[in-house]
């Protein structure tokens, strides 16, 4: 990768950047895998700038990866209080970690996870849910010390899909 990438904590004014990367990566990852109408509806609701603005206002933290020197967003990680089955207030959820596919394998995902790990230091565990058929993501999490601890059903645009819940302790 010839481009230099910087990572910074996102601010409320970064909601548009988060929405842009969120929608693009969700579509890029799941087009042809999940139903097209479900993807469009999910992105309309869950990858719009108002969603991210509200998340940041309500205590979520995001870390934004940008190409230098112009600052084009290429990935981000979003953390917040968990709403996964089997989790509690001593856990922190990695709600999203998205990187444009062109930057997969470049170390951006690992660098974002490192930022999240620092944010999670005061918590018992870092937890996350990942689509059960997303084997690439599951391999990434397993390489980084996460283990499966359960399952859930996840609504994408009105259609339910199976997720695996992963956790990593922060001893």
C-alpha atoms as a PDB file:
ATOM      1  CA  UNK A   1       0.000   0.000   0.000  1.00  0.00           C
ATOM      2  CA  UNK A   2       1.609   3.213  -1.121  1.00  0.00           C
ATOM      3  CA  UNK A   3      -0.834   5.541   0.621  1.00  0.00           C
ATOM      4  CA  UNK A   4      -0.137   6.707   4.152  1.00  0.00           C
ATOM      5  CA  UNK A   5      -3.082   6.153   6.496  1.00  0.00           C
ATOM      6  CA  UNK A   6      -3.774   8.083   9.673  1.00  0.00           C
ATOM      7  CA  UNK A   7      -6.284   7.182  12.363  1.00  0.00           C
ATOM      8  CA  UNK A   8      -7.960   9.660  14.653  1.00  0.00           C
ATOM      9  CA  UNK A   9     -10.904   9.664  17.005  1.00  0.00           C
ATOM     10  CA  UNK A  10     -14.004  10.816  15.163  1.00  0.00           C
ATOM     11  CA  UNK A  11     -15.818  13.953  16.273  1.00  0.00           C
ATOM     12  CA  UNK A  12     -19.547  14.783  15.906  1.00  0.00           C
ATOM     13  CA  UNK A  13     -18.769  16.638  12.670  1.00  0.00           C
ATOM     14  CA  UNK A  14     -17.471  13.375  11.158  1.00  0.00           C
ATOM     15  CA  UNK A  15     -20.919  11.750  10.918  1.00  0.00           C
ATOM     16  CA  UNK A  16     -21.011  12.208   7.112  1.00  0.00           C
ATOM     17  CA  UNK A  17     -17.608  10.521   6.744  1.00  0.00           C
ATOM     18  CA  UNK A  18     -18.721   7.578   8.901  1.00  0.00           C
ATOM     19  CA  UNK A  19     -21.975   7.278   6.930  1.00  0.00           C
ATOM     20  CA  UNK A  20     -20.141   7.317   3.605  1.00  0.00           C
ATOM     21  CA  UNK A  21     -17.742   4.548   4.596  1.00  0.00           C
ATOM     22  CA  UNK A  22     -20.448   2.598   6.452  1.00  0.00           C
ATOM     23  CA  UNK A  23     -22.827   2.466   3.513  1.00  0.00           C
ATOM     24  CA  UNK A  24     -20.097   1.820   0.947  1.00  0.00           C
ATOM     25  CA  UNK A  25     -18.487  -1.029   2.865  1.00  0.00           C
ATOM     26  CA  UNK A  26     -21.809  -2.624   3.808  1.00  0.00           C
ATOM     27  CA  UNK A  27     -22.892  -2.617   0.164  1.00  0.00           C
ATOM     28  CA  UNK A  28     -19.460  -3.756  -1.017  1.00  0.00           C
ATOM     29  CA  UNK A  29     -19.418  -6.649   1.474  1.00  0.00           C
ATOM     30  CA  UNK A  30     -22.978  -7.889   1.181  1.00  0.00           C
ATOM     31  CA  UNK A  31     -24.143  -7.167  -2.399  1.00  0.00           C
ATOM     32  CA  UNK A  32     -25.008 -10.563  -3.884  1.00  0.00           C
ATOM     33  CA  UNK A  33     -24.932 -12.153  -0.419  1.00  0.00           C
ATOM     34  CA  UNK A  34     -27.920 -10.503   1.281  1.00  0.00           C
ATOM     35  CA  UNK A  35     -31.074  -9.310  -0.423  1.00  0.00           C
ATOM     36  CA  UNK A  36     -30.661  -6.033  -2.311  1.00  0.00           C
ATOM     37  CA  UNK A  37     -33.776  -4.402  -0.835  1.00  0.00           C
ATOM     38  CA  UNK A  38     -32.688  -5.422   2.665  1.00  0.00           C
ATOM     39  CA  UNK A  39     -29.247  -3.850   2.101  1.00  0.00           C
ATOM     40  CA  UNK A  40     -30.716  -0.604   0.806  1.00  0.00           C
ATOM     41  CA  UNK A  41     -33.153  -0.338   3.720  1.00  0.00           C
ATOM     42  CA  UNK A  42     -30.471  -1.217   6.282  1.00  0.00           C
ATOM     43  CA  UNK A  43     -28.118   1.426   4.900  1.00  0.00           C
ATOM     44  CA  UNK A  44     -30.900   4.019   4.733  1.00  0.00           C
ATOM     45  CA  UNK A  45     -31.572   3.591   8.452  1.00  0.00           C
ATOM     46  CA  UNK A  46     -28.245   2.438   9.917  1.00  0.00           C
ATOM     47  CA  UNK A  47     -25.651   4.115   7.732  1.00  0.00           C
ATOM     48  CA  UNK A  48     -26.997   7.637   7.461  1.00  0.00           C
ATOM     49  CA  UNK A  49     -25.248  10.614   8.987  1.00  0.00           C
ATOM     50  CA  UNK A  50     -28.001  11.125  11.586  1.00  0.00           C
ATOM     51  CA  UNK A  51     -27.453   7.555  12.858  1.00  0.00           C
ATOM     52  CA  UNK A  52     -23.757   8.230  13.418  1.00  0.00           C
ATOM     53  CA  UNK A  53     -24.331  11.699  14.860  1.00  0.00           C
ATOM     54  CA  UNK A  54     -26.760  10.232  17.396  1.00  0.00           C
ATOM     55  CA  UNK A  55     -24.389   7.351  18.228  1.00  0.00           C
ATOM     56  CA  UNK A  56     -21.564   9.793  18.968  1.00  0.00           C
ATOM     57  CA  UNK A  57     -23.898  12.036  21.009  1.00  0.00           C
ATOM     58  CA  UNK A  58     -24.993   9.014  23.064  1.00  0.00           C
ATOM     59  CA  UNK A  59     -21.494   7.992  24.136  1.00  0.00           C
ATOM     60  CA  UNK A  60     -20.277   5.792  21.310  1.00  0.00           C
ATOM     61  CA  UNK A  61     -16.703   6.341  20.188  1.00  0.00           C
ATOM     62  CA  UNK A  62     -15.451   6.020  16.633  1.00  0.00           C
ATOM     63  CA  UNK A  63     -11.961   5.844  15.185  1.00  0.00           C
ATOM     64  CA  UNK A  64     -11.630   7.051  11.598  1.00  0.00           C
ATOM     65  CA  UNK A  65      -8.956   5.870   9.131  1.00  0.00           C
ATOM     66  CA  UNK A  66      -8.077   8.382   6.416  1.00  0.00           C
ATOM     67  CA  UNK A  67      -5.670   8.474   3.481  1.00  0.00           C
ATOM     68  CA  UNK A  68      -3.043  11.180   3.818  1.00  0.00           C
ATOM     69  CA  UNK A  69      -2.530  13.922   2.860  1.00  0.00           C
ATOM     70  CA  UNK A  70      -6.081  14.673   1.712  1.00  0.00           C
ATOM     71  CA  UNK A  71      -8.028  12.867   4.451  1.00  0.00           C
ATOM     72  CA  UNK A  72     -10.340  10.687   2.337  1.00  0.00           C
ATOM     73  CA  UNK A  73     -12.056   8.238   4.739  1.00  0.00           C
ATOM     74  CA  UNK A  74     -11.298   4.556   4.085  1.00  0.00           C
ATOM     75  CA  UNK A  75     -12.430   2.836   7.286  1.00  0.00           C
ATOM     76  CA  UNK A  76     -13.626   3.196  10.837  1.00  0.00           C
ATOM     77  CA  UNK A  77     -14.413   1.359  14.047  1.00  0.00           C
ATOM     78  CA  UNK A  78     -17.380   2.196  16.287  1.00  0.00           C
ATOM     79  CA  UNK A  79     -17.693   1.142  19.924  1.00  0.00           C
ATOM     80  CA  UNK A  80     -20.451   1.504  22.472  1.00  0.00           C
ATOM     81  CA  UNK A  81     -22.364  -0.156  25.253  1.00  0.00           C
ATOM     82  CA  UNK A  82     -23.393  -3.661  24.210  1.00  0.00           C
ATOM     83  CA  UNK A  83     -26.836  -4.835  23.262  1.00  0.00           C
ATOM     84  CA  UNK A  84     -25.765  -8.402  22.462  1.00  0.00           C
ATOM     85  CA  UNK A  85     -27.223 -11.408  24.298  1.00  0.00           C
ATOM     86  CA  UNK A  86     -25.037 -12.529  27.205  1.00  0.00           C
ATOM     87  CA  UNK A  87     -23.282  -9.178  27.626  1.00  0.00           C
ATOM     88  CA  UNK A  88     -23.443  -6.548  30.339  1.00  0.00           C
ATOM     89  CA  UNK A  89     -22.255  -3.148  31.475  1.00  0.00           C
ATOM     90  CA  UNK A  90     -18.710  -4.405  32.094  1.00  0.00           C
ATOM     91  CA  UNK A  91     -18.391  -5.231  28.392  1.00  0.00           C
ATOM     92  CA  UNK A  92     -17.716  -2.902  25.462  1.00  0.00           C
ATOM     93  CA  UNK A  93     -19.123  -3.732  22.038  1.00  0.00           C
ATOM     94  CA  UNK A  94     -17.231  -3.274  18.819  1.00  0.00           C
ATOM     95  CA  UNK A  95     -20.351  -2.315  16.906  1.00  0.00           C
ATOM     96  CA  UNK A  96     -18.636  -1.836  13.558  1.00  0.00           C
ATOM     97  CA  UNK A  97     -15.217  -2.122  12.035  1.00  0.00           C
ATOM     98  CA  UNK A  98     -15.355  -1.362   8.340  1.00  0.00           C
ATOM     99  CA  UNK A  99     -12.542  -0.913   5.846  1.00  0.00           C
ATOM    100  CA  UNK A 100     -12.948  -0.388   2.100  1.00  0.00           C
ATOM    101  CA  UNK A 101     -11.905  -3.599   0.317  1.00  0.00           C
ATOM    102  CA  UNK A 102      -9.055  -1.869  -1.522  1.00  0.00           C
ATOM    103  CA  UNK A 103      -7.414  -1.448   1.893  1.00  0.00           C
ATOM    104  CA  UNK A 104      -7.978  -5.018   3.154  1.00  0.00           C
ATOM    105  CA  UNK A 105      -4.673  -6.608   4.100  1.00  0.00           C
ATOM    106  CA  UNK A 106      -2.965  -3.226   4.462  1.00  0.00           C
ATOM    107  CA  UNK A 107      -3.004  -3.186   8.267  1.00  0.00           C
ATOM    108  CA  UNK A 108      -5.814  -0.608   8.517  1.00  0.00           C
ATOM    109  CA  UNK A 109      -8.185  -3.088  10.198  1.00  0.00           C
ATOM    110  CA  UNK A 110      -5.521  -4.144  12.698  1.00  0.00           C
ATOM    111  CA  UNK A 111      -4.692  -0.503  13.464  1.00  0.00           C
ATOM    112  CA  UNK A 112      -8.375   0.294  14.029  1.00  0.00           C
ATOM    113  CA  UNK A 113      -8.686  -2.751  16.299  1.00  0.00           C
ATOM    114  CA  UNK A 114      -5.664  -1.524  18.269  1.00  0.00           C
ATOM    115  CA  UNK A 115      -7.438   1.814  18.864  1.00  0.00           C
ATOM    116  CA  UNK A 116     -10.529  -0.052  20.014  1.00  0.00           C
ATOM    117  CA  UNK A 117      -8.449  -2.251  22.316  1.00  0.00           C
ATOM    118  CA  UNK A 118      -7.127   0.871  24.030  1.00  0.00           C
ATOM    119  CA  UNK A 119     -10.674   2.201  24.428  1.00  0.00           C
ATOM    120  CA  UNK A 120     -11.754  -1.146  25.901  1.00  0.00           C
ATOM    121  CA  UNK A 121      -8.964  -1.423  28.489  1.00  0.00           C
ATOM    122  CA  UNK A 122     -11.252  -0.562  31.414  1.00  0.00           C
ATOM    123  CA  UNK A 123     -13.851  -3.161  30.428  1.00  0.00           C
ATOM    124  CA  UNK A 124     -14.045  -6.872  31.232  1.00  0.00           C
ATOM    125  CA  UNK A 125     -14.450  -7.924  27.607  1.00  0.00           C
ATOM    126  CA  UNK A 126     -14.629  -6.588  24.090  1.00  0.00           C
ATOM    127  CA  UNK A 127     -17.591  -8.204  22.317  1.00  0.00           C
ATOM    128  CA  UNK A 128     -18.991  -8.125  18.792  1.00  0.00           C
ATOM    129  CA  UNK A 129     -21.463  -9.767  16.448  1.00  0.00           C
ATOM    130  CA  UNK A 130     -20.532 -10.882  12.927  1.00  0.00           C
ATOM    131  CA  UNK A 131     -22.607 -12.392  10.140  1.00  0.00           C
ATOM    132  CA  UNK A 132     -22.345 -16.183  10.429  1.00  0.00           C
ATOM    133  CA  UNK A 133     -21.426 -16.576   6.746  1.00  0.00           C
ATOM    134  CA  UNK A 134     -18.716 -13.872   6.828  1.00  0.00           C
ATOM    135  CA  UNK A 135     -15.800 -16.250   7.194  1.00  0.00           C
ATOM    136  CA  UNK A 136     -13.163 -13.633   6.321  1.00  0.00           C
ATOM    137  CA  UNK A 137     -14.236 -11.415   9.223  1.00  0.00           C
ATOM    138  CA  UNK A 138     -14.432 -14.386  11.577  1.00  0.00           C
ATOM    139  CA  UNK A 139     -10.859 -15.382  10.695  1.00  0.00           C
ATOM    140  CA  UNK A 140      -9.720 -11.794  11.422  1.00  0.00           C
ATOM    141  CA  UNK A 141     -11.367 -11.844  14.858  1.00  0.00           C
ATOM    142  CA  UNK A 142     -10.013 -15.297  15.738  1.00  0.00           C
ATOM    143  CA  UNK A 143      -6.478 -14.203  14.730  1.00  0.00           C
ATOM    144  CA  UNK A 144      -6.917 -11.307  17.135  1.00  0.00           C
ATOM    145  CA  UNK A 145      -7.876 -13.430  20.146  1.00  0.00           C
ATOM    146  CA  UNK A 146     -11.679 -13.436  19.915  1.00  0.00           C
ATOM    147  CA  UNK A 147     -13.650 -16.606  20.618  1.00  0.00           C
ATOM    148  CA  UNK A 148     -17.291 -17.396  19.806  1.00  0.00           C
ATOM    149  CA  UNK A 149     -19.594 -17.149  22.829  1.00  0.00           C
ATOM    150  CA  UNK A 150     -23.077 -17.279  21.326  1.00  0.00           C
ATOM    151  CA  UNK A 151     -25.418 -16.358  18.497  1.00  0.00           C
ATOM    152  CA  UNK A 152     -28.146 -13.873  17.707  1.00  0.00           C
ATOM    153  CA  UNK A 153     -30.560 -12.978  14.937  1.00  0.00           C
ATOM    154  CA  UNK A 154     -29.718  -9.653  13.242  1.00  0.00           C
ATOM    155  CA  UNK A 155     -32.232  -7.574  11.304  1.00  0.00           C
ATOM    156  CA  UNK A 156     -30.988  -6.224   7.970  1.00  0.00           C
ATOM    157  CA  UNK A 157     -33.732  -4.201   6.323  1.00  0.00           C
ATOM    158  CA  UNK A 158     -36.516  -6.351   7.735  1.00  0.00           C
ATOM    159  CA  UNK A 159     -34.847  -9.703   7.045  1.00  0.00           C
ATOM    160  CA  UNK A 160     -33.293 -11.720   9.880  1.00  0.00           C
ATOM    161  CA  UNK A 161     -29.818 -13.221   9.525  1.00  0.00           C
ATOM    162  CA  UNK A 162     -27.687 -15.300  11.893  1.00  0.00           C
ATOM    163  CA  UNK A 163     -24.730 -13.688  13.660  1.00  0.00           C
ATOM    164  CA  UNK A 164     -21.999 -15.237  15.776  1.00  0.00           C
ATOM    165  CA  UNK A 165     -21.139 -13.328  18.952  1.00  0.00           C
ATOM    166  CA  UNK A 166     -17.412 -13.148  19.736  1.00  0.00           C
ATOM    167  CA  UNK A 167     -15.612 -11.943  22.882  1.00  0.00           C
ATOM    168  CA  UNK A 168     -12.063 -11.261  23.977  1.00  0.00           C
ATOM    169  CA  UNK A 169     -11.122 -10.721  27.603  1.00  0.00           C
ATOM    170  CA  UNK A 170      -9.252  -7.648  28.784  1.00  0.00           C
ATOM    171  CA  UNK A 171      -7.475  -9.088  31.805  1.00  0.00           C
END
